[in-house]
C-alpha atoms as a PDB file:
ATOM      1  CA  MET A   1      73.976  61.030-180.027  1.00  0.00           C
ATOM      2  CA  ARG A   2      71.979  64.166-180.830  1.00  0.00           C
ATOM      3  CA  SER A   3      73.685  64.390-184.238  1.00  0.00           C
ATOM      4  CA  VAL A   4      72.629  60.800-184.969  1.00  0.00           C
ATOM      5  CA  VAL A   5      68.990  61.659-184.196  1.00  0.00           C
ATOM      6  CA  VAL A   6      69.193  64.799-186.351  1.00  0.00           C
ATOM      7  CA  ALA A   7      70.788  62.816-189.196  1.00  0.00           C
ATOM      8  CA  LEU A   8      68.127  60.096-188.972  1.00  0.00           C
ATOM      9  CA  THR A   9      65.372  62.712-188.969  1.00  0.00           C
ATOM     10  CA  LEU A  10      66.916  64.343-192.054  1.00  0.00           C
ATOM     11  CA  VAL A  11      67.152  60.973-193.838  1.00  0.00           C
ATOM     12  CA  ALA A  12      63.525  60.228-192.929  1.00  0.00           C
ATOM     13  CA  ALA A  13      62.443  63.624-194.247  1.00  0.00           C
ATOM     14  CA  LEU A  14      64.314  63.132-197.520  1.00  0.00           C
ATOM     15  CA  ALA A  15      62.728  59.706-197.912  1.00  0.00           C
ATOM     16  CA  GLY A  16      59.264  61.185-197.543  1.00  0.00           C
ATOM     17  CA  LEU A  17      58.761  59.816-194.072  1.00  0.00           C
ATOM     18  CA  THR A  18      57.946  63.097-192.361  1.00  0.00           C
ATOM     19  CA  PRO A  19      55.107  63.052-189.878  1.00  0.00           C
ATOM     20  CA  PRO A  20      51.994  65.093-190.522  1.00  0.00           C
ATOM     21  CA  ALA A  21      51.658  68.451-188.815  1.00  0.00           C
ATOM     22  CA  VAL A  22      48.927  67.071-186.552  1.00  0.00           C
ATOM     23  CA  ALA A  23      51.380  65.131-184.378  1.00  0.00           C
ATOM     24  CA  GLN A  24      50.805  65.828-180.697  1.00  0.00           C
ATOM     25  CA  THR A  25      52.830  64.996-177.655  1.00  0.00           C
ATOM     26  CA  SER A  26      51.516  64.100-174.243  1.00  0.00           C
ATOM     27  CA  GLY A  27      54.434  63.918-171.849  1.00  0.00           C
ATOM     28  CA  ASP A  28      56.809  61.403-173.387  1.00  0.00           C
ATOM     29  CA  VAL A  29      54.178  59.970-175.763  1.00  0.00           C
ATOM     30  CA  LEU A  30      53.906  61.121-179.382  1.00  0.00           C
ATOM     31  CA  VAL A  31      50.353  60.633-180.682  1.00  0.00           C
ATOM     32  CA  VAL A  32      50.288  60.629-184.479  1.00  0.00           C
ATOM     33  CA  GLU A  33      48.301  58.863-187.211  1.00  0.00           C
ATOM     34  CA  GLY A  34      46.479  56.625-184.735  1.00  0.00           C
ATOM     35  CA  LEU A  35      49.651  55.591-182.925  1.00  0.00           C
ATOM     36  CA  ALA A  36      50.852  56.415-179.414  1.00  0.00           C
ATOM     37  CA  LEU A  37      54.645  56.119-179.275  1.00  0.00           C
ATOM     38  CA  PRO A  38      56.874  56.782-176.260  1.00  0.00           C
ATOM     39  CA  GLN A  39      59.429  59.251-177.650  1.00  0.00           C
ATOM     40  CA  SER A  40      62.207  58.142-175.329  1.00  0.00           C
ATOM     41  CA  HIS A  41      62.110  54.621-176.795  1.00  0.00           C
ATOM     42  CA  ARG A  42      64.483  53.394-179.489  1.00  0.00           C
ATOM     43  CA  TYR A  43      62.704  52.143-182.624  1.00  0.00           C
ATOM     44  CA  GLU A  44      64.220  49.962-185.328  1.00  0.00           C
ATOM     45  CA  ILE A  45      63.106  48.472-188.639  1.00  0.00           C
ATOM     46  CA  TYR A  46      63.985  44.888-189.403  1.00  0.00           C
ATOM     47  CA  ASN A  47      65.459  43.862-192.750  1.00  0.00           C
ATOM     48  CA  ALA A  48      64.603  40.166-193.123  1.00  0.00           C
ATOM     49  CA  ALA A  49      66.877  39.732-196.160  1.00  0.00           C
ATOM     50  CA  SER A  50      70.000  40.709-194.238  1.00  0.00           C
ATOM     51  CA  GLY A  51      68.724  39.846-190.744  1.00  0.00           C
ATOM     52  CA  THR A  52      69.672  43.312-189.483  1.00  0.00           C
ATOM     53  CA  TYR A  53      67.990  46.073-187.515  1.00  0.00           C
ATOM     54  CA  SER A  54      68.330  49.762-188.417  1.00  0.00           C
ATOM     55  CA  PRO A  55      67.408  52.562-186.009  1.00  0.00           C
ATOM     56  CA  ILE A  56      64.654  54.989-187.047  1.00  0.00           C
ATOM     57  CA  ASP A  57      63.309  58.188-185.541  1.00  0.00           C
ATOM     58  CA  VAL A  58      60.033  57.955-183.629  1.00  0.00           C
ATOM     59  CA  HIS A  59      58.457  60.294-186.209  1.00  0.00           C
ATOM     60  CA  ALA A  60      59.174  57.762-188.988  1.00  0.00           C
ATOM     61  CA  VAL A  61      57.345  54.889-187.260  1.00  0.00           C
ATOM     62  CA  PRO A  62      53.836  55.736-188.615  1.00  0.00           C
ATOM     63  CA  SER A  63      54.954  55.644-192.261  1.00  0.00           C
ATOM     64  CA  TYR A  64      56.629  52.253-191.754  1.00  0.00           C
ATOM     65  CA  ALA A  65      53.530  51.009-189.913  1.00  0.00           C
ATOM     66  CA  LYS A  66      51.342  52.043-192.873  1.00  0.00           C
ATOM     67  CA  LYS A  67      53.594  49.993-195.173  1.00  0.00           C
ATOM     68  CA  LYS A  68      53.363  47.082-192.705  1.00  0.00           C
ATOM     69  CA  THR A  69      57.150  47.102-192.351  1.00  0.00           C
ATOM     70  CA  ARG A  70      58.391  45.347-189.222  1.00  0.00           C
ATOM     71  CA  VAL A  71      59.141  47.938-186.524  1.00  0.00           C
ATOM     72  CA  TYR A  72      60.725  46.931-183.225  1.00  0.00           C
ATOM     73  CA  ASP A  73      60.636  48.944-179.998  1.00  0.00           C
ATOM     74  CA  ARG A  74      64.062  48.062-178.597  1.00  0.00           C
ATOM     75  CA  THR A  75      63.382  49.805-175.276  1.00  0.00           C
ATOM     76  CA  ALA A  76      60.172  47.888-174.550  1.00  0.00           C
ATOM     77  CA  GLY A  77      61.375  44.703-176.245  1.00  0.00           C
ATOM     78  CA  ALA A  78      58.197  44.528-178.332  1.00  0.00           C
ATOM     79  CA  TRP A  79      57.190  44.593-181.987  1.00  0.00           C
ATOM     80  CA  VAL A  80      55.193  47.713-182.880  1.00  0.00           C
ATOM     81  CA  VAL A  81      54.430  46.031-186.218  1.00  0.00           C
ATOM     82  CA  ASP A  82      55.096  42.286-186.383  1.00  0.00           C
ATOM     83  CA  ALA A  83      56.124  39.974-189.247  1.00  0.00           C
ATOM     84  CA  SER A  84      52.496  39.600-190.390  1.00  0.00           C
ATOM     85  CA  GLY A  85      52.110  43.399-190.587  1.00  0.00           C
ATOM     86  CA  LYS A  86      49.859  43.583-187.524  1.00  0.00           C
ATOM     87  CA  LEU A  87      50.073  46.549-185.166  1.00  0.00           C
ATOM     88  CA  ASP A  88      50.514  45.723-181.474  1.00  0.00           C
ATOM     89  CA  PRO A  89      47.370  47.188-179.837  1.00  0.00           C
ATOM     90  CA  ARG A  90      49.529  48.679-177.052  1.00  0.00           C
ATOM     91  CA  TYR A  91      50.711  51.228-179.627  1.00  0.00           C
ATOM     92  CA  ALA A  92      47.234  52.197-180.840  1.00  0.00           C
ATOM     93  CA  ALA A  93      45.963  55.617-179.766  1.00  0.00           C
ATOM     94  CA  ALA A  94      42.309  54.574-180.006  1.00  0.00           C
ATOM     95  CA  ALA A  95      39.638  54.961-177.346  1.00  0.00           C
ATOM     96  CA  GLY A  96      41.866  57.068-175.117  1.00  0.00           C
ATOM     97  CA  LYS A  97      44.428  54.321-174.616  1.00  0.00           C
ATOM     98  CA  THR A  98      48.077  54.797-175.411  1.00  0.00           C
ATOM     99  CA  ALA A  99      50.921  52.381-175.795  1.00  0.00           C
ATOM    100  CA  THR A 100      51.897  53.098-172.235  1.00  0.00           C
ATOM    101  CA  SER A 101      48.456  52.560-170.706  1.00  0.00           C
ATOM    102  CA  ALA A 102      47.419  49.259-172.245  1.00  0.00           C
ATOM    103  CA  THR A 103      47.971  46.082-170.275  1.00  0.00           C
ATOM    104  CA  PRO A 104      51.002  44.138-171.455  1.00  0.00           C
ATOM    105  CA  PRO A 105      50.259  40.464-171.953  1.00  0.00           C
ATOM    106  CA  SER A 106      51.016  38.370-168.883  1.00  0.00           C
ATOM    107  CA  GLY A 107      54.041  36.160-169.312  1.00  0.00           C
ATOM    108  CA  GLU A 108      56.008  38.863-171.168  1.00  0.00           C
ATOM    109  CA  TRP A 109      58.829  40.248-168.981  1.00  0.00           C
ATOM    110  CA  GLN A 110      58.839  44.018-168.599  1.00  0.00           C
ATOM    111  CA  ARG A 111      61.603  46.234-167.148  1.00  0.00           C
ATOM    112  CA  ILE A 112      59.987  49.473-166.016  1.00  0.00           C
ATOM    113  CA  HIS A 113      61.989  52.378-164.630  1.00  0.00           C
ATOM    114  CA  GLY A 114      60.590  55.148-162.466  1.00  0.00           C
ATOM    115  CA  LYS A 115      60.361  56.524-158.939  1.00  0.00           C
ATOM    116  CA  ILE A 116      58.802  55.051-155.828  1.00  0.00           C
ATOM    117  CA  GLU A 117      55.981  57.290-154.604  1.00  0.00           C
ATOM    118  CA  SER A 118      54.997  55.253-151.550  1.00  0.00           C
ATOM    119  CA  ILE A 119      55.117  51.747-150.145  1.00  0.00           C
ATOM    120  CA  GLN A 120      52.690  50.130-147.737  1.00  0.00           C
ATOM    121  CA  GLY A 121      53.150  46.499-146.908  1.00  0.00           C
ATOM    122  CA  SER A 122      53.505  44.650-150.210  1.00  0.00           C
ATOM    123  CA  THR A 123      52.007  47.427-152.344  1.00  0.00           C
ATOM    124  CA  LEU A 124      54.205  49.971-154.071  1.00  0.00           C
ATOM    125  CA  SER A 125      52.910  53.161-155.701  1.00  0.00           C
ATOM    126  CA  PHE A 126      55.296  53.733-158.608  1.00  0.00           C
ATOM    127  CA  ARG A 127      55.502  56.575-161.164  1.00  0.00           C
ATOM    128  CA  THR A 128      57.172  55.456-164.383  1.00  0.00           C
ATOM    129  CA  ASP A 129      59.531  57.643-166.390  1.00  0.00           C
ATOM    130  CA  ASP A 130      56.751  58.135-168.952  1.00  0.00           C
ATOM    131  CA  GLY A 131      54.337  59.419-166.286  1.00  0.00           C
ATOM    132  CA  ARG A 132      52.152  56.378-165.613  1.00  0.00           C
ATOM    133  CA  VAL A 133      51.243  55.601-162.011  1.00  0.00           C
ATOM    134  CA  LEU A 134      51.363  51.886-161.266  1.00  0.00           C
ATOM    135  CA  THR A 135      50.183  49.979-158.214  1.00  0.00           C
ATOM    136  CA  VAL A 136      52.823  47.290-157.952  1.00  0.00           C
ATOM    137  CA  ASP A 137      52.380  44.066-155.995  1.00  0.00           C
ATOM    138  CA  VAL A 138      55.834  43.422-154.494  1.00  0.00           C
ATOM    139  CA  SER A 139      54.807  40.456-152.329  1.00  0.00           C
ATOM    140  CA  ARG A 140      57.152  38.178-154.310  1.00  0.00           C
ATOM    141  CA  VAL A 141      60.142  40.501-153.855  1.00  0.00           C
ATOM    142  CA  ALA A 142      62.509  39.538-151.032  1.00  0.00           C
ATOM    143  CA  SER A 143      61.517  41.184-147.748  1.00  0.00           C
ATOM    144  CA  SER A 144      65.058  42.534-147.327  1.00  0.00           C
ATOM    145  CA  VAL A 145      64.675  44.406-150.632  1.00  0.00           C
ATOM    146  CA  ARG A 146      61.138  45.622-149.797  1.00  0.00           C
ATOM    147  CA  SER A 147      62.279  47.010-146.449  1.00  0.00           C
ATOM    148  CA  ALA A 148      65.099  48.952-148.148  1.00  0.00           C
ATOM    149  CA  LEU A 149      62.780  50.735-150.614  1.00  0.00           C
ATOM    150  CA  THR A 150      62.128  54.408-149.877  1.00  0.00           C
ATOM    151  CA  PRO A 151      59.755  56.993-151.399  1.00  0.00           C
ATOM    152  CA  GLY A 152      61.400  59.286-153.942  1.00  0.00           C
ATOM    153  CA  GLU A 153      63.988  56.677-154.858  1.00  0.00           C
ATOM    154  CA  GLY A 154      64.570  55.694-158.480  1.00  0.00           C
ATOM    155  CA  ALA A 155      64.155  52.006-159.253  1.00  0.00           C
ATOM    156  CA  THR A 156      63.487  49.449-161.970  1.00  0.00           C
ATOM    157  CA  ILE A 157      60.758  46.883-161.464  1.00  0.00           C
ATOM    158  CA  MET A 158      60.798  43.607-163.349  1.00  0.00           C
ATOM    159  CA  ALA A 159      57.462  41.913-163.836  1.00  0.00           C
ATOM    160  CA  HIS A 160      55.802  39.430-166.146  1.00  0.00           C
ATOM    161  CA  GLU A 161      52.352  39.191-164.574  1.00  0.00           C
ATOM    162  CA  TRP A 162      49.738  41.954-164.816  1.00  0.00           C
ATOM    163  CA  THR A 163      46.442  41.796-162.952  1.00  0.00           C
ATOM    164  CA  GLY A 164      45.136  44.996-164.590  1.00  0.00           C
ATOM    165  CA  PRO A 165      46.236  47.887-166.825  1.00  0.00           C
ATOM    166  CA  THR A 166      48.250  49.535-164.057  1.00  0.00           C
ATOM    167  CA  THR A 167      48.888  46.664-161.660  1.00  0.00           C
ATOM    168  CA  PRO A 168      51.967  44.555-162.343  1.00  0.00           C
ATOM    169  CA  ARG A 169      53.195  41.890-159.945  1.00  0.00           C
ATOM    170  CA  ALA A 170      56.929  42.498-159.564  1.00  0.00           C
ATOM    171  CA  MET A 171      59.349  39.643-159.183  1.00  0.00           C
ATOM    172  CA  TYR A 172      62.383  41.896-158.722  1.00  0.00           C
ATOM    173  CA  VAL A 173      63.068  45.518-157.848  1.00  0.00           C
ATOM    174  CA  GLN A 174      66.474  47.087-158.462  1.00  0.00           C
ATOM    175  CA  GLN A 175      67.184  50.372-156.749  1.00  0.00           C
ATOM    176  CA  ASP A 176      69.043  52.967-158.818  1.00  0.00           C
ATOM    177  CA  SER A 177      71.606  53.221-156.011  1.00  0.00           C
ATOM    178  CA  SER A 178      72.754  49.669-156.850  1.00  0.00           C
ATOM    179  CA  ASP A 179      72.324  49.884-160.627  1.00  0.00           C
ATOM    180  CA  PRO A 180      75.401  51.098-162.542  1.00  0.00           C
ATOM    181  CA  SER A 181      73.258  51.903-165.602  1.00  0.00           C
ATOM    182  CA  HIS A 182      71.474  54.535-163.479  1.00  0.00           C
ATOM    183  CA  GLY A 183      74.576  55.956-161.763  1.00  0.00           C
ATOM    184  CA  GLY A 184      74.590  53.553-158.819  1.00  0.00           C
ATOM    185  CA  LYS A 185      77.362  51.383-157.511  1.00  0.00           C
ATOM    186  CA  ILE A 186      77.413  47.683-156.834  1.00  0.00           C
ATOM    187  CA  ALA A 187      78.178  47.077-153.190  1.00  0.00           C
ATOM    188  CA  PRO A 188      81.416  45.176-152.714  1.00  0.00           C
ATOM    189  CA  SER A 189      80.992  41.699-151.341  1.00  0.00           C
ATOM    190  CA  ALA A 190      82.997  40.424-148.457  1.00  0.00           C
ATOM    191  CA  SER A 191      85.734  38.005-149.317  1.00  0.00           C
ATOM    192  CA  PRO A 192      85.397  34.598-147.771  1.00  0.00           C
ATOM    193  CA  ARG A 193      87.723  34.012-144.871  1.00  0.00           C
ATOM    194  CA  SER A 194      90.755  32.062-145.806  1.00  0.00           C
ATOM    195  CA  ALA A 195      91.519  28.917-143.920  1.00  0.00           C
ATOM    196  CA  PRO A 196      94.156  29.303-141.130  1.00  0.00           C
END
């Protein structure tokens, strides 16, 4: 995987897509040329003629954005630059906001991974992998799931409603302990009793 990233960076450099020396990082977020890009995300350009996506290095995103080439953030499931050449404001580094601090539009499902900091009633304090602290309304999550949540535990929240920049309303919470993609195991289910 590392060799793929190195190869892509080399290809980007040879194509003149190197980032300027003023690129800065803040935690997981690369701030460069007016963009704020989570570095852990996978970015792709879309070739409309062939209908294919090609992965690109995070450092190449600004040059594609300048050319108004469609860039897709596979991790977030969002277009950084859409078909009309418009930049998604969540990726703009203007006025102190970054891609990770802007409010996602309500109605758009988000899967956000992080760690539970605390839980009181139906409010969860949640630190995302990219360092944001969210106040999550978990009132719509099953009470059996809410009661099993513990501080310090890794989890993924799934939400499509946001009541503010850092306040999603979760519909589901999956603990890492039950998520195979995060090293957990699916609990075996009991077999139904067979008829005598």
